Protein backbone atom coordinates (compact mmCIF):
# COMPACT_ATOMS: atom_id res chain seq x y z
CA MET A 1 5.46 188.59 227.61
CA ILE A 2 4.76 188.73 231.37
CA ILE A 3 3.77 185.44 233.04
CA ALA A 4 0.82 186.03 235.32
CA SER A 5 -0.01 184.46 238.65
CA GLN A 6 -3.48 183.71 239.91
CA LYS A 7 -2.94 186.29 242.67
CA LEU A 8 -2.18 189.01 240.11
CA PHE A 9 -5.42 188.24 238.34
CA GLU A 10 -7.35 188.24 241.64
CA ASP A 11 -5.86 191.56 242.76
CA THR A 12 -6.63 193.18 239.41
CA TYR A 13 -10.16 191.82 239.51
CA LEU A 14 -10.76 193.29 242.99
CA GLU A 15 -9.39 196.67 241.90
CA ASN A 16 -11.76 196.71 238.93
CA LYS A 17 -14.64 195.59 241.13
CA GLU A 18 -14.04 198.57 243.39
CA ILE A 19 -13.73 201.00 240.48
CA PHE A 20 -16.61 199.68 238.38
CA GLU A 21 -19.21 199.07 241.06
CA GLU A 22 -22.12 198.80 238.64
CA MET A 23 -20.52 196.13 236.49
CA SER A 24 -21.61 192.50 236.70
CA HIS A 25 -19.21 189.68 237.57
CA GLU A 26 -18.88 188.73 233.90
CA GLU A 27 -18.14 192.32 232.85
CA ILE A 28 -15.47 192.73 235.53
CA VAL A 29 -13.78 189.50 234.43
CA ALA A 30 -13.81 190.66 230.80
CA GLU A 31 -12.36 194.06 231.78
CA THR A 32 -9.65 192.38 233.88
CA VAL A 33 -8.66 190.04 231.07
CA ASN A 34 -8.52 192.88 228.53
CA GLN A 35 -6.50 195.05 230.90
CA LEU A 36 -3.89 192.37 231.60
CA THR A 37 -3.56 191.10 228.05
CA SER A 38 -3.12 194.66 226.74
CA GLN A 39 -0.16 194.95 229.13
CA GLY A 40 1.41 191.82 227.64
CA VAL A 41 0.46 189.46 230.48
CA ASN A 42 0.15 185.78 229.51
CA LEU A 43 -3.04 184.35 231.03
CA LYS A 44 -2.67 180.91 229.44
CA ASN A 45 -2.35 179.02 232.73
CA ILE A 46 -4.68 181.23 234.77
CA LEU A 47 -8.30 180.58 235.67
CA CYS A 48 -9.79 183.73 234.19
CA SER A 49 -13.22 182.72 232.97
CA ALA A 50 -16.31 184.07 234.70
CA GLU A 51 -17.51 180.48 235.02
CA ASP A 52 -14.39 179.39 236.91
CA PHE A 53 -15.03 181.29 240.12
CA SER A 54 -17.26 183.60 242.10
CA VAL A 55 -16.44 186.26 244.70
CA ASP A 56 -18.39 186.49 247.96
CA GLU A 57 -19.28 189.55 250.02
CA ASP A 58 -15.92 189.43 251.82
CA ASN A 59 -14.07 189.43 248.48
CA VAL A 60 -13.01 185.82 248.94
CA PHE A 61 -12.58 183.90 245.68
CA VAL A 62 -14.50 180.65 245.48
CA TYR A 63 -13.26 178.39 242.67
CA LYS A 64 -15.59 175.78 241.24
CA VAL A 65 -12.90 173.14 240.84
CA LEU A 66 -11.77 173.45 244.47
CA SER A 67 -15.35 173.30 245.70
CA ALA A 68 -15.93 170.21 243.58
CA SER A 69 -12.71 168.69 244.92
CA ASP A 70 -13.73 169.29 248.55
CA LYS A 71 -17.17 167.84 247.87
CA PHE A 72 -15.67 164.75 246.23
CA PHE A 73 -13.34 163.95 249.13
CA GLU A 74 -16.17 164.48 251.61
CA ASP A 75 -18.37 162.04 249.70
CA LEU A 76 -16.69 159.69 247.20
CA SER A 77 -19.76 159.34 245.01
CA SER A 78 -19.92 158.77 241.29
CA GLU A 79 -21.78 162.04 240.77
CA ASN A 80 -19.18 164.08 242.68
CA ALA A 81 -16.34 162.33 240.83
CA GLN A 82 -17.86 163.04 237.43
CA ASN A 83 -18.44 166.69 238.31
CA LEU A 84 -14.78 167.08 239.30
CA ILE A 85 -13.55 165.23 236.22
CA ASN A 86 -15.67 167.39 233.91
CA LEU A 87 -14.22 170.55 235.44
CA MET A 88 -10.62 169.27 235.12
CA LYS A 89 -11.15 168.23 231.52
CA LYS A 90 -11.97 171.84 230.68
CA ASP A 91 -8.33 172.85 230.31
CA LEU A 92 -4.82 172.37 231.65
CA ALA A 93 -5.00 175.53 233.76
CA THR A 94 -7.84 174.04 235.80
CA ARG A 95 -5.87 170.84 236.42
CA VAL A 96 -2.74 172.75 237.39
CA PHE A 97 -4.72 174.94 239.78
CA ALA A 98 -6.43 171.94 241.40
CA ALA A 99 -3.10 170.15 241.84
CA LYS A 100 -1.48 173.19 243.44
CA HIS A 101 -4.32 173.37 245.95
CA GLY A 102 -4.05 169.82 247.24
CA THR A 103 -6.26 167.70 244.99
CA TYR A 104 -3.36 165.57 243.71
CA SER A 105 -1.85 164.92 247.15
CA LYS A 106 -5.26 163.93 248.53
CA LEU A 107 -5.74 161.48 245.66
CA ILE A 108 -2.37 159.84 246.31
CA ASP A 109 -3.04 159.65 250.05
CA GLN A 110 -6.30 157.77 249.52
CA LEU A 111 -5.27 155.64 246.54
CA LYS A 112 -4.64 152.52 248.62
CA THR A 113 -8.35 152.27 249.38
CA ASN A 114 -8.72 150.91 245.80
CA ASN A 115 -11.78 153.04 245.17
CA PHE A 116 -12.29 153.08 241.38
CA LEU A 117 -13.45 156.71 241.49
CA LEU A 118 -10.06 157.82 242.82
CA PHE A 119 -8.38 156.20 239.82
CA GLU A 120 -10.73 157.96 237.41
CA VAL A 121 -10.09 161.37 238.95
CA LEU A 122 -6.33 160.76 239.07
CA ILE A 123 -6.28 159.87 235.36
CA ALA A 124 -8.06 163.14 234.54
CA MET A 125 -5.71 165.09 236.83
CA LEU A 126 -2.54 163.72 235.18
CA GLU A 127 -3.47 164.50 231.57
CA LYS A 128 -0.58 166.63 230.21
CA GLN A 129 0.61 167.01 233.80
CA PRO A 130 3.11 164.15 234.32
CA ASP A 131 5.50 166.31 236.38
CA LEU A 132 3.25 165.80 239.40
CA VAL A 133 4.23 162.14 239.75
CA SER A 134 7.20 161.27 241.96
CA LYS A 135 9.10 157.97 241.98
CA ALA A 136 7.43 157.13 245.28
CA ASP A 137 4.03 157.69 243.65
CA MET A 138 4.98 155.34 240.80
CA GLU A 139 6.03 152.65 243.27
CA LEU A 140 2.72 153.10 245.07
CA ILE A 141 0.77 152.75 241.83
CA MET A 142 2.73 149.63 240.82
CA GLY A 143 2.19 148.15 244.28
CA ILE A 144 -1.56 148.66 243.99
CA PHE A 145 -1.98 147.28 240.48
CA GLY A 146 0.75 144.64 240.58
CA THR A 147 -1.31 142.39 242.84
CA THR A 148 -4.49 142.83 240.79
CA ILE A 149 -3.49 140.95 237.67
CA GLY A 150 -3.87 137.47 239.07
CA GLU A 151 -6.47 137.61 241.81
CA ASN A 152 -9.23 140.14 241.13
CA GLN A 153 -12.37 139.25 239.20
CA SER A 154 -12.71 142.91 238.13
CA LYS A 155 -9.19 142.98 236.73
CA ASP A 156 -10.31 144.23 233.29
CA VAL A 157 -11.77 147.36 234.88
CA ILE A 158 -8.87 147.87 237.26
CA MET A 159 -6.13 147.24 234.69
CA LYS A 160 -7.80 149.70 232.34
CA TYR A 161 -7.14 152.37 234.96
CA PHE A 162 -3.54 151.18 235.28
CA LEU A 163 -2.91 151.42 231.54
CA GLN A 164 -4.46 154.88 231.33
CA LEU A 165 -2.33 156.03 234.25
CA VAL A 166 0.84 154.68 232.61
CA ILE A 167 0.04 156.57 229.41
CA ASN A 168 -0.59 159.86 231.23
CA ILE A 169 2.45 159.47 233.50
CA CYS A 170 4.86 158.71 230.65
CA THR A 171 3.63 160.91 227.81
CA LEU A 172 5.90 163.94 227.30
CA HIS A 173 8.11 162.87 230.22
CA GLU A 174 11.30 160.88 229.59
CA GLU A 175 12.33 160.73 233.26
CA ASN A 176 8.98 159.20 234.18
CA ARG A 177 9.33 156.64 231.39
CA GLN A 178 12.68 155.51 232.69
CA ALA A 179 11.37 155.39 236.25
CA MET A 180 8.35 153.31 235.21
CA VAL A 181 10.66 150.89 233.39
CA ALA A 182 12.69 150.61 236.60
CA VAL A 183 9.59 149.61 238.59
CA GLN A 184 8.72 146.96 235.94
CA ALA A 185 5.64 148.64 234.46
CA PRO A 186 6.31 147.15 230.95
CA GLU A 187 6.37 143.64 232.40
CA LEU A 188 2.93 144.13 233.92
CA ILE A 189 1.59 145.58 230.67
CA VAL A 190 2.83 142.53 228.74
CA LYS A 191 0.96 140.32 231.21
CA VAL A 192 -2.19 142.39 230.66
CA LEU A 193 -1.92 141.71 226.90
CA ILE A 194 -2.61 138.04 227.56
CA SER A 195 -4.81 138.13 230.66
CA CYS A 196 -7.09 140.97 229.52
CA PRO A 197 -7.75 140.57 225.75
CA LYS A 198 -10.44 143.26 225.83
CA LEU A 199 -7.71 145.77 226.70
CA PHE A 200 -5.44 144.85 223.77
CA VAL A 201 -5.59 148.28 222.09
CA LEU A 202 -4.96 150.17 225.33
CA SER A 203 -2.16 147.77 226.30
CA CYS A 204 -0.43 148.39 222.98
CA SER A 205 -0.77 152.15 223.48
CA ALA A 206 0.79 151.80 226.93
CA LEU A 207 3.74 149.83 225.50
CA ARG A 208 4.29 152.35 222.71
CA VAL A 209 4.45 155.23 225.18
CA PHE A 210 7.81 153.83 226.35
CA LEU A 211 9.09 154.03 222.78
CA LEU A 212 8.38 157.74 222.33
CA ASP A 213 10.93 160.53 222.15
CA ASP A 214 8.60 163.44 222.85
CA ASP A 215 10.19 165.22 225.81
CA VAL A 216 11.77 168.41 224.46
CA ARG A 217 13.66 168.89 227.73
CA VAL A 218 15.78 165.79 227.10
CA PRO A 219 18.30 165.77 224.22
CA PHE A 220 18.37 161.98 223.94
CA GLY A 221 15.67 159.60 225.12
CA LYS A 222 15.91 155.86 225.66
CA ALA A 223 13.21 154.67 223.27
CA HIS A 224 15.65 152.26 221.59
CA GLU A 225 16.78 150.80 224.92
CA HIS A 226 13.19 150.46 226.09
CA ALA A 227 12.27 148.55 222.92
CA GLN A 228 15.18 146.19 223.52
CA HIS A 229 14.12 145.81 227.17
CA ILE A 230 10.51 144.95 226.34
CA VAL A 231 11.35 142.56 223.49
CA GLY A 232 14.48 141.04 225.01
CA HIS A 233 13.29 140.54 228.59
CA PHE A 234 9.55 140.07 228.20
CA GLU A 235 9.20 138.60 224.67
CA GLY A 236 7.31 141.70 223.59
CA ILE A 237 6.84 140.75 219.94
CA SER A 238 5.51 137.24 220.54
CA LYS A 239 3.28 138.46 223.39
CA VAL A 240 1.77 141.26 221.30
CA ILE A 241 0.95 138.82 218.51
CA GLU A 242 -0.41 136.28 221.01
CA GLY A 243 -2.52 138.98 222.65
CA TYR A 244 -3.84 140.03 219.25
CA LYS A 245 -4.99 136.49 218.50
CA LEU A 246 -6.98 136.53 221.75
CA SER A 247 -8.52 139.93 221.00
CA SER A 248 -11.61 140.84 219.00
CA LYS A 249 -9.41 141.49 215.92
CA ASP A 250 -11.45 144.52 214.99
CA LEU A 251 -10.12 147.54 213.12
CA ASN A 252 -8.63 149.18 216.21
CA CYS A 253 -6.91 145.95 217.23
CA ASN A 254 -5.47 145.54 213.74
CA ILE A 255 -4.07 149.07 213.74
CA ALA A 256 -2.69 148.65 217.26
CA LEU A 257 -0.92 145.41 216.30
CA PHE A 258 1.06 146.81 213.39
CA SER A 259 1.65 150.21 215.00
CA THR A 260 3.23 148.44 217.97
CA LEU A 261 5.27 145.89 216.01
CA SER A 262 6.72 148.68 213.86
CA LYS A 263 8.04 150.37 217.02
CA PHE A 264 9.71 147.15 218.13
CA CYS A 265 11.73 146.63 214.93
CA VAL A 266 14.86 148.38 216.17
CA ARG A 267 17.22 145.42 215.62
CA ASN A 268 17.71 142.97 212.77
CA GLU A 269 16.66 140.00 214.90
CA TYR A 270 13.47 141.76 216.02
CA CYS A 271 12.47 142.28 212.38
CA GLN A 272 13.00 138.56 211.82
CA GLN A 273 10.99 137.72 214.94
CA CYS A 274 7.98 139.49 213.47
CA VAL A 275 8.21 137.17 210.47
CA ASP A 276 8.80 134.07 212.58
CA PHE A 277 5.79 134.73 214.81
CA GLY A 278 3.40 135.18 211.91
CA ALA A 279 2.96 138.94 211.50
CA PHE A 280 3.20 138.70 207.71
CA GLU A 281 0.50 136.06 207.52
CA ILE A 282 -1.80 138.27 209.59
CA ALA A 283 -1.05 141.29 207.38
CA THR A 284 -1.68 139.30 204.19
CA GLU A 285 -4.97 137.97 205.48
CA LEU A 286 -6.18 141.41 206.55
CA LEU A 287 -5.13 143.13 203.32
CA ASN A 288 -7.35 140.66 201.47
CA LEU A 289 -10.37 141.93 203.39
CA GLU A 290 -12.09 144.75 201.54
CA ASP A 291 -13.09 146.71 204.64
CA MET A 292 -9.51 146.60 205.96
CA ARG A 293 -7.79 147.31 202.66
CA GLY A 294 -10.01 150.36 202.20
CA ASN A 295 -9.24 151.87 205.61
CA GLU A 296 -6.59 154.58 205.47
CA LYS A 297 -5.39 154.29 209.07
CA PHE A 298 -5.02 150.52 208.83
CA VAL A 299 -3.14 150.73 205.54
CA ILE A 300 -0.72 153.30 206.98
CA SER A 301 -0.08 151.10 210.03
CA VAL A 302 0.80 148.14 207.78
CA LEU A 303 3.03 150.28 205.59
CA SER A 304 4.83 151.61 208.66
CA PHE A 305 5.39 148.05 209.86
CA LEU A 306 6.71 146.88 206.48
CA LYS A 307 9.05 149.88 206.34
CA THR A 308 10.65 149.16 209.72
CA ALA A 309 10.69 145.38 209.32
CA GLY A 310 12.21 145.87 205.86
CA GLY A 311 15.33 147.25 207.50
CA ASN A 312 16.44 143.61 207.62
CA ASP A 313 17.69 142.48 204.19
CA ASP A 314 16.44 138.91 204.73
CA VAL A 315 13.01 140.25 205.60
CA LYS A 316 13.01 142.24 202.35
CA ASP A 317 13.18 138.92 200.51
CA LYS A 318 10.24 137.65 202.54
CA ILE A 319 8.27 140.82 201.78
CA ALA A 320 8.76 140.23 198.05
CA GLU A 321 8.05 136.51 198.35
CA VAL A 322 4.78 137.02 200.21
CA GLY A 323 3.60 139.53 197.60
CA PHE A 324 3.75 142.78 199.52
CA LEU A 325 5.41 144.61 196.62
CA LYS A 326 2.24 144.10 194.61
CA SER A 327 0.18 145.16 197.65
CA ILE A 328 2.16 148.38 198.06
CA MET A 329 1.68 149.27 194.41
CA ALA A 330 -2.04 148.47 194.66
CA ILE A 331 -2.25 150.76 197.70
CA LEU A 332 -0.53 153.55 195.77
CA ASP A 333 -3.06 153.13 192.98
CA GLU A 334 -6.16 152.83 195.20
CA PHE A 335 -5.15 155.63 197.58
CA SER A 336 -3.73 158.05 195.03
CA HIS A 337 -6.17 160.60 196.50
CA SER A 338 -4.54 160.39 199.96
CA GLU A 339 -1.36 162.39 200.45
CA GLN A 340 -0.55 160.61 203.71
CA VAL A 341 -0.93 157.10 202.28
CA CYS A 342 1.03 157.95 199.12
CA HIS A 343 3.91 159.32 201.17
CA ALA A 344 3.96 156.25 203.44
CA ALA A 345 3.79 153.84 200.49
CA LEU A 346 6.59 155.55 198.56
CA VAL A 347 8.89 155.62 201.59
CA THR A 348 8.13 151.97 202.34
CA LEU A 349 8.85 151.01 198.74
CA SER A 350 12.22 152.79 198.90
CA VAL A 351 13.22 150.86 202.03
CA VAL A 352 12.04 147.46 200.82
CA VAL A 353 13.83 147.65 197.45
CA LEU A 354 17.03 149.24 198.80
CA ARG A 355 20.01 146.95 198.07
CA LYS A 356 17.62 144.57 196.29
CA PRO A 357 17.81 145.52 192.58
CA GLN A 358 16.30 142.18 191.60
CA TYR A 359 12.91 143.47 192.78
CA SER A 360 12.94 146.63 190.67
CA LYS A 361 11.57 144.83 187.62
CA GLN A 362 8.64 143.50 189.67
CA VAL A 363 7.78 147.00 190.82
CA PHE A 364 7.96 148.43 187.30
CA ASP A 365 5.79 145.55 186.06
CA PHE A 366 3.17 146.79 188.55
CA LYS A 367 3.08 150.11 186.62
CA PHE A 368 5.31 152.08 188.96
CA ALA A 369 6.38 154.49 186.19
CA GLN A 370 2.80 155.46 185.34
CA ILE A 371 1.69 155.72 188.96
CA VAL A 372 4.63 157.79 190.19
CA VAL A 373 4.27 160.29 187.34
CA LEU A 374 0.58 160.60 188.18
CA LEU A 375 1.50 161.30 191.82
CA LEU A 376 4.12 163.88 190.84
CA ASP A 377 1.43 165.67 188.86
CA ARG A 378 -1.28 165.38 191.52
CA TYR A 379 0.96 166.39 194.42
CA SER A 380 3.05 169.02 192.69
CA GLU A 381 2.73 171.25 195.78
CA SER A 382 3.43 168.55 198.38
CA ILE A 383 7.08 168.66 199.37
CA LYS A 384 6.95 165.39 201.30
CA VAL A 385 5.28 163.37 198.53
CA GLN A 386 7.59 164.81 195.89
CA ASN A 387 10.71 164.01 197.92
CA ALA A 388 9.44 160.50 198.71
CA ALA A 389 8.76 159.93 195.01
CA PHE A 390 12.26 161.10 194.05
CA LEU A 391 13.79 158.75 196.63
CA ALA A 392 11.73 155.83 195.33
CA ILE A 393 12.71 156.59 191.72
CA ARG A 394 16.42 156.74 192.56
CA THR A 395 16.27 153.51 194.53
CA LEU A 396 14.41 151.62 191.83
CA VAL A 397 16.29 152.76 188.73
CA ASN A 398 19.76 152.55 190.21
CA ARG A 399 20.48 149.31 188.32
CA SER A 400 17.50 149.16 185.98
CA GLU A 401 18.01 150.56 182.50
CA GLU A 402 14.56 149.36 181.51
CA GLY A 403 13.04 151.24 184.45
CA LYS A 404 14.81 154.44 183.44
CA GLN A 405 13.39 154.22 179.94
CA MET A 406 9.86 153.59 181.30
CA LEU A 407 10.06 156.68 183.48
CA ILE A 408 11.41 158.82 180.65
CA ALA A 409 8.71 157.50 178.30
CA ASN A 410 6.05 158.54 180.84
CA GLY A 411 7.40 162.09 181.01
CA VAL A 412 9.05 162.06 184.43
CA GLU A 413 11.77 164.50 183.28
CA GLU A 414 9.28 167.32 182.90
CA TYR A 415 8.17 167.04 186.54
CA LEU A 416 11.73 166.68 187.79
CA GLN A 417 12.77 169.78 185.87
CA LYS A 418 9.91 171.79 187.37
CA ALA A 419 10.79 170.53 190.86
CA SER A 420 14.43 171.49 190.38
CA GLU A 421 13.31 175.13 190.35
CA ILE A 422 11.83 174.86 193.86
CA ASP A 423 14.31 175.43 196.70
CA GLU A 424 12.98 172.64 198.94
CA LEU A 425 13.10 170.12 196.07
CA LYS A 426 16.04 171.36 194.01
CA GLN A 427 18.73 169.01 195.35
CA ASN A 428 16.57 165.89 195.29
CA ALA A 429 15.18 166.65 191.84
CA ASN A 430 18.61 167.19 190.32
CA ASP A 431 19.95 164.05 192.00
CA THR A 432 17.08 162.08 190.49
CA LEU A 433 17.57 163.59 187.05
CA ARG A 434 21.21 162.53 187.09
CA VAL A 435 20.32 158.99 188.17
CA ILE A 436 18.00 158.51 185.17
CA GLU A 437 20.78 159.87 182.96
CA SER A 438 19.03 163.00 181.84
CA SER A 439 21.08 165.81 180.38
CA LYS A 440 18.74 168.21 182.15
CA GLY A 441 20.28 167.42 185.54
CA THR A 442 22.48 170.25 186.83
CA LEU A 443 24.90 170.31 189.73
CA SER A 444 24.34 173.09 192.25
CA GLU A 445 28.15 173.44 192.29
CA PRO A 446 29.70 172.05 189.08
CA TRP A 447 32.82 169.98 189.67
CA THR A 448 35.91 171.45 188.05
CA GLY A 449 38.69 169.39 189.57
CA GLN A 450 40.31 172.62 190.75
CA GLN A 451 39.56 172.32 194.49
CA GLY A 452 39.63 169.81 197.33
CA ASP A 453 41.40 166.51 197.62
CA ARG A 454 42.55 164.81 194.45
CA ILE A 455 42.63 161.11 193.70
CA ALA A 456 46.17 159.93 193.20
CA HIS A 457 46.84 157.46 190.41
CA ASP A 458 50.04 155.43 190.33
């Protein structure tokens, strides 16, 4: 595949224009695109739509986005800003082209004027284009917004721009994340949680962007270190919960709360902090509300939180004490139609009961055997649900003879045997069959005692 340049496209267009004099602009563009793509040229990042440009009598290319950019900087009006933003939102190629031709540098040069329209255009420019931002640019942005938090009556509007910029600067870019941590961006975001309750959801999104590992160019990110930095230095967990209590507590706020707390539970003490600061009480209260309990996204966010918080063995006890085991089983029953929820619930159940055999009986009392067999039947073609179900079965029956008999009585062996014939499920299915003491379990490589290390007996 040949990577094209804008100049190659322009030259080919002009050649076709000269050859096909009677063709319209649209027809010449179509012919140029067909000609280049047939030669294996990749036009993904090239402006090659007839709407993107025109060509004057002197064969000079006039690009809409550059004209809109010039017009905006000549007159910083809302109309001109919106026109430029709409053009840049069209695709990444348009944003890349505008940046290469000076739009980004002009925005940075004028940013100190604190004109809101400049922030809006910059946010649009940086979407999926974080490489544009230098460390000096980040320091400039922090200098502008760092003084806003305590003194400006329009801080909600201004800090919204800041949060959106942080998200666009850090998404898909590990180096930028580390640089923004160095200039104390997380500290300012934590302050926004409390001072701007209306921005709670966006603030949580901005915090979570530091906990991503989405840059394929970097083998190891620092999401774990960033979580420790935010929680350890800026009391991230308590501030998120405090900010939530000041917010509107609507569906989006509820999802943002638990999605963010789940990302913070990277250490045992952080899991305990979530309990100490009242996250379980909030979850219990919300799960008792019909409109919340019936919302798939909210339920998944709570399950994700319980899974990560349940990494702490003491917190597992609290999860059982509060009654979340019953809640998880109720979710499995109510959302048996949702593959995503079932997978999340089964994985969460496996984590919460791990190393806690005393809770297995509770789970089986909530009809786990019947429900899991139903799910194995319903999601017979879902690799992730099947594997999650096998893991949950093995975890729960490890020290529960009664649980094994319940599963066998409900016909689980039949589904495990079928799964053992599928390559992606074979190992897990056979492992699970052996755990429930079924003679149908087979080893992929039977042990003969003829190879490998031997155990010495005195």
